[in-house]
N, C-alpha and C. Protein backbone atom coordinates (compact mmCIF):
# COMPACT_ATOMS: atom_id res chain seq x y z
N UNK A 1 11.31 5.47 9.54
CA UNK A 1 11.12 6.07 8.25
C UNK A 1 10.28 5.11 7.39
N UNK A 2 9.39 5.64 6.61
CA UNK A 2 8.56 4.84 5.71
C UNK A 2 9.41 4.42 4.52
N UNK A 3 9.34 3.13 4.17
CA UNK A 3 10.14 2.63 3.06
C UNK A 3 9.64 3.21 1.74
N UNK A 4 10.53 3.21 0.76
CA UNK A 4 10.17 3.71 -0.56
C UNK A 4 9.04 2.87 -1.15
N UNK A 5 9.09 1.57 -0.94
CA UNK A 5 8.04 0.67 -1.45
C UNK A 5 6.68 1.00 -0.82
N UNK A 6 6.65 1.18 0.49
CA UNK A 6 5.36 1.47 1.15
C UNK A 6 4.84 2.85 0.74
N UNK A 7 5.73 3.78 0.51
CA UNK A 7 5.31 5.11 0.07
C UNK A 7 4.72 5.05 -1.33
N UNK A 8 5.35 4.30 -2.23
CA UNK A 8 4.81 4.15 -3.59
C UNK A 8 3.44 3.45 -3.55
N UNK A 9 3.32 2.46 -2.69
CA UNK A 9 2.04 1.74 -2.56
C UNK A 9 0.95 2.68 -2.05
N UNK A 10 1.26 3.50 -1.04
CA UNK A 10 0.29 4.48 -0.53
C UNK A 10 -0.13 5.46 -1.63
N UNK A 11 0.85 5.94 -2.39
CA UNK A 11 0.55 6.89 -3.48
C UNK A 11 -0.39 6.24 -4.49
N UNK A 12 -0.11 5.01 -4.86
CA UNK A 12 -0.96 4.31 -5.81
C UNK A 12 -2.37 4.09 -5.28
N UNK A 13 -2.47 3.79 -3.99
CA UNK A 13 -3.79 3.59 -3.39
C UNK A 13 -4.58 4.89 -3.35
N UNK A 14 -3.90 6.00 -3.09
CA UNK A 14 -4.59 7.29 -3.12
C UNK A 14 -5.11 7.59 -4.52
N UNK A 15 -4.28 7.36 -5.53
CA UNK A 15 -4.70 7.60 -6.91
C UNK A 15 -5.84 6.67 -7.32
N UNK A 16 -5.78 5.43 -6.86
CA UNK A 16 -6.86 4.48 -7.14
C UNK A 16 -8.18 4.96 -6.50
N UNK A 17 -8.10 5.47 -5.29
CA UNK A 17 -9.30 5.98 -4.60
C UNK A 17 -9.90 7.15 -5.38
N UNK A 18 -9.05 8.03 -5.90
CA UNK A 18 -9.54 9.16 -6.71
C UNK A 18 -10.24 8.61 -7.95
N UNK A 19 -9.62 7.63 -8.59
CA UNK A 19 -10.21 7.02 -9.77
C UNK A 19 -11.57 6.39 -9.47
N UNK A 20 -11.68 5.72 -8.33
CA UNK A 20 -12.97 5.14 -7.93
C UNK A 20 -14.01 6.22 -7.73
N UNK A 21 -13.59 7.34 -7.17
CA UNK A 21 -14.53 8.45 -6.90
C UNK A 21 -15.00 9.09 -8.19
N UNK A 22 -14.14 9.09 -9.22
CA UNK A 22 -14.47 9.76 -10.47
C UNK A 22 -15.38 8.92 -11.37
N UNK A 23 -15.47 7.63 -11.11
CA UNK A 23 -16.33 6.77 -11.92
C UNK A 23 -17.79 7.02 -11.59
N UNK A 24 -18.59 7.13 -12.62
CA UNK A 24 -20.04 7.31 -12.43
C UNK A 24 -20.69 5.99 -12.04
N UNK A 25 -20.19 4.90 -12.61
CA UNK A 25 -20.74 3.58 -12.33
C UNK A 25 -19.78 2.84 -11.41
N UNK A 26 -20.28 2.34 -10.32
CA UNK A 26 -19.47 1.57 -9.39
C UNK A 26 -19.98 0.14 -9.40
N UNK A 27 -19.16 -0.81 -9.87
CA UNK A 27 -19.60 -2.20 -9.87
C UNK A 27 -19.84 -2.69 -8.45
N UNK A 28 -20.68 -3.70 -8.34
CA UNK A 28 -20.96 -4.27 -7.03
C UNK A 28 -19.65 -4.75 -6.41
N UNK A 29 -19.41 -4.31 -5.20
CA UNK A 29 -18.15 -4.63 -4.53
C UNK A 29 -18.33 -4.55 -3.03
N UNK A 30 -17.50 -5.29 -2.32
CA UNK A 30 -17.51 -5.22 -0.87
C UNK A 30 -16.71 -4.02 -0.36
N UNK A 31 -15.99 -3.35 -1.26
CA UNK A 31 -15.20 -2.19 -0.87
C UNK A 31 -16.11 -1.03 -0.46
N UNK A 32 -15.69 -0.31 0.54
CA UNK A 32 -16.44 0.87 0.97
C UNK A 32 -16.35 1.91 -0.14
N UNK A 33 -17.49 2.46 -0.59
CA UNK A 33 -17.43 3.46 -1.66
C UNK A 33 -16.73 4.74 -1.21
N UNK A 34 -15.95 5.29 -2.11
CA UNK A 34 -15.26 6.55 -1.87
C UNK A 34 -16.27 7.69 -2.02
N UNK A 35 -16.17 8.69 -1.18
CA UNK A 35 -17.06 9.84 -1.24
C UNK A 35 -16.76 10.63 -2.51
N UNK A 36 -17.66 10.55 -3.49
CA UNK A 36 -17.45 11.17 -4.80
C UNK A 36 -17.22 12.68 -4.69
N UNK A 37 -18.09 13.37 -3.98
CA UNK A 37 -18.02 14.83 -3.93
C UNK A 37 -16.69 15.32 -3.37
N UNK A 38 -16.16 14.62 -2.39
CA UNK A 38 -14.91 15.07 -1.77
C UNK A 38 -13.69 14.63 -2.57
N UNK A 39 -13.58 13.34 -2.88
CA UNK A 39 -12.37 12.81 -3.51
C UNK A 39 -12.23 13.22 -4.97
N UNK A 40 -13.35 13.37 -5.67
CA UNK A 40 -13.27 13.76 -7.07
C UNK A 40 -13.45 15.26 -7.24
N UNK A 41 -13.75 15.94 -6.17
CA UNK A 41 -14.01 17.38 -6.24
C UNK A 41 -12.99 18.19 -5.48
N UNK A 42 -13.43 18.76 -4.38
CA UNK A 42 -12.62 19.74 -3.65
C UNK A 42 -11.30 19.20 -3.11
N UNK A 43 -11.18 17.92 -2.86
CA UNK A 43 -9.94 17.38 -2.28
C UNK A 43 -9.03 16.74 -3.31
N UNK A 44 -9.48 16.64 -4.54
CA UNK A 44 -8.71 15.93 -5.57
C UNK A 44 -7.27 16.44 -5.68
N UNK A 45 -7.10 17.73 -5.79
CA UNK A 45 -5.76 18.31 -5.93
C UNK A 45 -4.87 18.01 -4.74
N UNK A 46 -5.41 18.13 -3.54
CA UNK A 46 -4.62 17.87 -2.34
C UNK A 46 -4.24 16.39 -2.25
N UNK A 47 -5.15 15.50 -2.64
CA UNK A 47 -4.85 14.06 -2.64
C UNK A 47 -3.77 13.73 -3.67
N UNK A 48 -3.85 14.34 -4.84
CA UNK A 48 -2.82 14.12 -5.87
C UNK A 48 -1.47 14.68 -5.42
N UNK A 49 -1.48 15.84 -4.76
CA UNK A 49 -0.23 16.40 -4.22
C UNK A 49 0.38 15.47 -3.17
N UNK A 50 -0.48 14.89 -2.34
CA UNK A 50 -0.01 13.95 -1.31
C UNK A 50 0.62 12.73 -1.98
N UNK A 51 -0.03 12.18 -2.99
CA UNK A 51 0.52 11.02 -3.70
C UNK A 51 1.87 11.37 -4.35
N UNK A 52 1.94 12.55 -4.97
CA UNK A 52 3.18 12.97 -5.61
C UNK A 52 4.32 13.10 -4.59
N UNK A 53 4.02 13.68 -3.44
CA UNK A 53 5.05 13.85 -2.41
C UNK A 53 5.50 12.50 -1.85
N UNK A 54 4.56 11.56 -1.74
CA UNK A 54 4.94 10.23 -1.25
C UNK A 54 5.90 9.54 -2.21
N UNK A 55 5.78 9.83 -3.49
CA UNK A 55 6.68 9.23 -4.49
C UNK A 55 8.01 9.97 -4.61
N UNK A 56 8.10 11.17 -4.11
CA UNK A 56 9.32 11.97 -4.23
C UNK A 56 10.48 11.26 -3.51
N UNK A 57 11.69 11.46 -4.00
CA UNK A 57 12.84 10.77 -3.41
C UNK A 57 13.26 11.32 -2.03
N UNK A 58 12.77 12.47 -1.66
CA UNK A 58 13.14 13.04 -0.36
C UNK A 58 12.57 12.20 0.78
N UNK A 59 13.27 12.13 1.92
CA UNK A 59 12.76 11.40 3.08
C UNK A 59 11.45 12.02 3.57
N UNK A 60 10.66 11.21 4.24
CA UNK A 60 9.40 11.70 4.82
C UNK A 60 9.38 11.40 6.31
N UNK A 61 8.63 12.19 7.03
CA UNK A 61 8.41 11.92 8.45
C UNK A 61 7.40 10.78 8.54
N UNK A 62 7.67 9.78 9.38
CA UNK A 62 6.75 8.65 9.52
C UNK A 62 5.33 9.05 9.92
N UNK A 63 5.19 10.13 10.69
CA UNK A 63 3.84 10.56 11.09
C UNK A 63 3.02 11.00 9.87
N UNK A 64 3.66 11.60 8.89
CA UNK A 64 2.94 11.99 7.68
C UNK A 64 2.48 10.78 6.90
N UNK A 65 3.36 9.77 6.80
CA UNK A 65 2.98 8.53 6.11
C UNK A 65 1.83 7.85 6.86
N UNK A 66 1.87 7.90 8.18
CA UNK A 66 0.80 7.30 8.98
C UNK A 66 -0.52 8.01 8.72
N UNK A 67 -0.49 9.34 8.66
CA UNK A 67 -1.72 10.09 8.39
C UNK A 67 -2.27 9.78 6.99
N UNK A 68 -1.39 9.62 6.02
CA UNK A 68 -1.82 9.27 4.66
C UNK A 68 -2.47 7.89 4.67
N UNK A 69 -1.87 6.97 5.38
CA UNK A 69 -2.43 5.60 5.46
C UNK A 69 -3.78 5.62 6.15
N UNK A 70 -3.92 6.41 7.21
CA UNK A 70 -5.20 6.49 7.93
C UNK A 70 -6.32 6.97 7.01
N UNK A 71 -6.01 7.88 6.10
CA UNK A 71 -7.03 8.34 5.14
C UNK A 71 -7.59 7.15 4.37
N UNK A 72 -6.72 6.21 4.03
CA UNK A 72 -7.12 5.08 3.21
C UNK A 72 -7.81 3.96 3.99
N UNK A 73 -7.44 3.76 5.24
CA UNK A 73 -7.95 2.60 5.97
C UNK A 73 -9.11 2.90 6.92
N UNK A 74 -9.35 4.15 7.22
CA UNK A 74 -10.44 4.50 8.13
C UNK A 74 -11.75 4.59 7.35
N UNK A 75 -12.53 3.53 7.41
CA UNK A 75 -13.79 3.47 6.67
C UNK A 75 -14.82 4.49 7.10
N UNK A 76 -14.62 5.10 8.25
CA UNK A 76 -15.52 6.16 8.73
C UNK A 76 -14.91 7.54 8.53
N UNK A 77 -13.73 7.58 7.92
CA UNK A 77 -13.02 8.84 7.73
C UNK A 77 -13.54 9.63 6.54
N UNK A 78 -12.96 10.79 6.30
CA UNK A 78 -13.47 11.71 5.27
C UNK A 78 -13.32 11.24 3.83
N UNK A 79 -12.49 10.23 3.58
CA UNK A 79 -12.37 9.71 2.22
C UNK A 79 -13.62 8.90 1.85
N UNK A 80 -14.27 8.34 2.85
CA UNK A 80 -15.41 7.46 2.59
C UNK A 80 -16.74 8.01 3.09
N UNK A 81 -16.73 8.69 4.20
CA UNK A 81 -17.96 9.19 4.79
C UNK A 81 -18.11 10.68 4.52
N UNK A 82 -19.20 11.07 3.88
CA UNK A 82 -19.39 12.51 3.66
C UNK A 82 -19.37 13.26 4.98
N UNK A 83 -18.56 14.25 5.05
CA UNK A 83 -18.46 15.05 6.27
C UNK A 83 -18.64 16.52 5.94
N UNK A 84 -18.08 17.33 6.78
CA UNK A 84 -18.15 18.77 6.56
C UNK A 84 -17.39 19.14 5.29
N UNK A 85 -17.86 20.13 4.55
CA UNK A 85 -17.14 20.57 3.35
C UNK A 85 -15.68 20.90 3.70
N UNK A 86 -14.78 20.41 2.90
CA UNK A 86 -13.36 20.69 3.10
C UNK A 86 -12.65 19.76 4.06
N UNK A 87 -13.38 18.83 4.68
CA UNK A 87 -12.78 17.95 5.69
C UNK A 87 -11.71 17.03 5.08
N UNK A 88 -12.00 16.42 3.94
CA UNK A 88 -11.02 15.53 3.30
C UNK A 88 -9.82 16.33 2.80
N UNK A 89 -10.07 17.48 2.22
CA UNK A 89 -8.96 18.32 1.75
C UNK A 89 -8.05 18.71 2.91
N UNK A 90 -8.66 19.10 4.03
CA UNK A 90 -7.87 19.48 5.21
C UNK A 90 -7.05 18.30 5.73
N UNK A 91 -7.64 17.11 5.74
CA UNK A 91 -6.92 15.92 6.21
C UNK A 91 -5.76 15.59 5.27
N UNK A 92 -5.97 15.71 3.96
CA UNK A 92 -4.90 15.45 2.99
C UNK A 92 -3.77 16.47 3.15
N UNK A 93 -4.13 17.73 3.35
CA UNK A 93 -3.11 18.78 3.53
C UNK A 93 -2.36 18.59 4.85
N UNK A 94 -3.05 18.12 5.88
CA UNK A 94 -2.40 17.83 7.16
C UNK A 94 -1.35 16.72 6.97
N UNK A 95 -1.73 15.66 6.26
CA UNK A 95 -0.78 14.57 5.99
C UNK A 95 0.39 15.06 5.14
N UNK A 96 0.08 15.86 4.14
CA UNK A 96 1.13 16.40 3.27
C UNK A 96 2.11 17.24 4.07
N UNK A 97 1.62 18.10 4.93
CA UNK A 97 2.50 18.93 5.76
C UNK A 97 3.31 18.10 6.72
N UNK A 98 2.72 17.04 7.25
CA UNK A 98 3.41 16.19 8.23
C UNK A 98 4.52 15.39 7.57
N UNK A 99 4.44 15.14 6.27
CA UNK A 99 5.51 14.40 5.59
C UNK A 99 6.84 15.14 5.67
N UNK A 100 6.79 16.46 5.74
CA UNK A 100 8.01 17.27 5.78
C UNK A 100 8.30 17.81 7.17
N UNK A 101 7.69 17.22 8.19
CA UNK A 101 7.92 17.68 9.57
C UNK A 101 9.35 17.34 9.99
N UNK A 102 9.67 17.67 11.19
CA UNK A 102 11.04 17.57 11.72
C UNK A 102 11.66 16.19 11.57
N UNK A 103 10.89 15.13 11.62
CA UNK A 103 11.46 13.78 11.58
C UNK A 103 11.95 13.35 10.21
N UNK A 104 11.63 14.11 9.16
CA UNK A 104 12.02 13.72 7.81
C UNK A 104 13.52 13.80 7.60
N UNK A 105 14.22 14.53 8.46
CA UNK A 105 15.66 14.67 8.31
C UNK A 105 16.44 13.55 8.98
N UNK A 106 15.75 12.67 9.65
CA UNK A 106 16.46 11.60 10.39
C UNK A 106 17.18 10.66 9.48
């Protein structure tokens, strides 16, 4: 099971990524830029829902937490690399659905 601390940290990192995507000016940084069109646009709601669910007191399935983490750490993934329209939203919804999968009751 994902700890409450790690879940809160993931939620904060997702919200930070959305904030980075919404900024028009990005200061020089070694961080991989967040895909503005996806994170600040079509996927914003799904990413915020994912962050909210990670903070909820209900247990989560570890696979869902893993999928949420992969969104943040995969520099070639849909959060950072422009892909097909709806790809980031679909990935966020997949992670959100997996949080409530069968293992959450353990």
